[in-house]
Amino acid sequence: MFLTAVAQQMETCLSLLAHIAYVPSYKPKTSKPVPKLLEDEDDWEKLLDDVEKYRAVCTGKSKGKGVVKAFVIMLIDMSGLDGKESRRYGHP
């Protein structure tokens, strides 16, 4: 279902989403974050686990009353026409 929704948002065919990657906005920007491929269910679960860990760290601050700051997961089409181009899409 997720890839179907992504295909609709990116205005492309589902079969062309073989090289979709993501970069969470909450990762440090000091060193450019490397996109992580979403190739299978395990990668999807890792993304969900990473988001849950981020939320847990945020809420754990201030004696458990911390606020989770808004963030986006940037989706990137890594296939590109010449291997260098990519299309980026974010959703809060």
Protein backbone atom coordinates (compact mmCIF):
# COMPACT_ATOMS: atom_id res chain seq x y z
CA MET A 1 0.00 0.00 0.00
CA PHE A 2 2.85 2.37 0.85
CA LEU A 3 4.55 2.02 -2.54
CA THR A 4 1.22 2.43 -4.33
CA ALA A 5 0.66 5.72 -2.51
CA VAL A 6 4.22 6.83 -3.31
CA ALA A 7 3.73 5.96 -6.99
CA GLN A 8 0.58 8.09 -7.10
CA GLN A 9 2.28 11.03 -5.35
CA MET A 10 5.33 10.83 -7.62
CA GLU A 11 3.11 10.43 -10.68
CA THR A 12 4.88 7.28 -11.82
CA CYS A 13 4.27 3.56 -12.27
CA LEU A 14 4.64 1.24 -9.32
CA SER A 15 7.10 -0.88 -11.32
CA LEU A 16 9.51 2.07 -11.54
CA LEU A 17 9.97 2.34 -7.76
CA ALA A 18 12.81 -0.16 -7.45
CA HIS A 19 15.29 2.44 -6.17
CA ILE A 20 13.34 4.48 -3.62
CA ALA A 21 15.36 5.73 -0.66
CA TYR A 22 14.66 7.97 2.30
CA VAL A 23 16.37 10.55 4.51
CA PRO A 24 14.72 11.63 7.79
CA SER A 25 14.89 15.37 8.47
CA TYR A 26 15.88 14.76 12.10
CA LYS A 27 19.28 13.33 11.16
CA PRO A 28 22.23 15.69 11.79
CA LYS A 29 23.08 17.92 8.84
CA THR A 30 26.76 18.32 9.79
CA SER A 31 27.65 15.39 7.58
CA LYS A 32 25.28 14.93 4.67
CA PRO A 33 22.91 12.06 5.56
CA VAL A 34 23.14 9.10 3.20
CA PRO A 35 19.80 7.98 1.72
CA LYS A 36 18.75 4.49 2.80
CA LEU A 37 17.04 2.27 0.25
CA LEU A 38 13.53 0.94 0.85
CA GLU A 39 13.91 -2.39 -0.89
CA ASP A 40 11.81 -4.75 1.22
CA GLU A 41 9.71 -5.18 4.36
CA ASP A 42 12.82 -5.26 6.58
CA ASP A 43 13.88 -1.82 5.32
CA TRP A 44 10.35 -0.50 5.99
CA GLU A 45 10.49 -1.92 9.54
CA LYS A 46 13.92 -0.29 10.09
CA LEU A 47 12.46 3.07 9.05
CA LEU A 48 9.55 2.67 11.46
CA ASP A 49 11.94 1.60 14.26
CA ASP A 50 14.19 4.60 13.58
CA VAL A 51 11.23 6.99 13.79
CA GLU A 52 10.04 5.34 17.01
CA LYS A 53 13.52 5.67 18.56
CA TYR A 54 13.61 9.37 17.61
CA ARG A 55 10.19 9.91 19.17
CA ALA A 56 11.23 8.04 22.33
CA VAL A 57 14.34 10.20 22.72
CA CYS A 58 12.29 13.38 22.26
CA THR A 59 9.59 12.39 24.72
CA GLY A 60 12.19 11.15 27.21
CA LYS A 61 13.58 14.64 27.65
CA SER A 62 12.32 16.93 30.44
CA LYS A 63 11.40 14.03 32.74
CA GLY A 64 9.26 12.32 30.13
CA LYS A 65 7.43 15.48 29.07
CA GLY A 66 9.54 16.26 26.01
CA VAL A 67 7.91 17.36 22.78
CA VAL A 68 8.48 15.60 19.47
CA LYS A 69 9.47 18.25 16.95
CA ALA A 70 7.84 18.07 13.53
CA PHE A 71 9.89 16.19 10.96
CA VAL A 72 9.64 14.87 7.41
CA ILE A 73 10.83 11.73 5.71
CA MET A 74 12.31 12.76 2.38
CA LEU A 75 11.73 10.13 -0.34
CA ILE A 76 14.28 10.00 -3.12
CA ASP A 77 14.10 8.23 -6.48
CA MET A 78 17.67 6.96 -6.75
CA SER A 79 17.27 5.51 -10.25
CA GLY A 80 17.69 8.87 -12.02
CA LEU A 81 18.12 9.15 -15.76
CA ASP A 82 21.91 9.27 -15.73
CA GLY A 83 22.61 7.87 -12.27
CA LYS A 84 23.11 11.38 -10.88
CA GLU A 85 19.63 12.85 -11.04
CA SER A 86 17.06 12.07 -8.42
CA ARG A 87 13.59 13.31 -7.54
CA ARG A 88 12.90 14.24 -3.93
CA TYR A 89 9.56 14.27 -2.19
CA GLY A 90 8.80 15.05 1.44
CA HIS A 91 5.70 14.59 3.52
CA PRO A 92 5.24 15.77 7.10
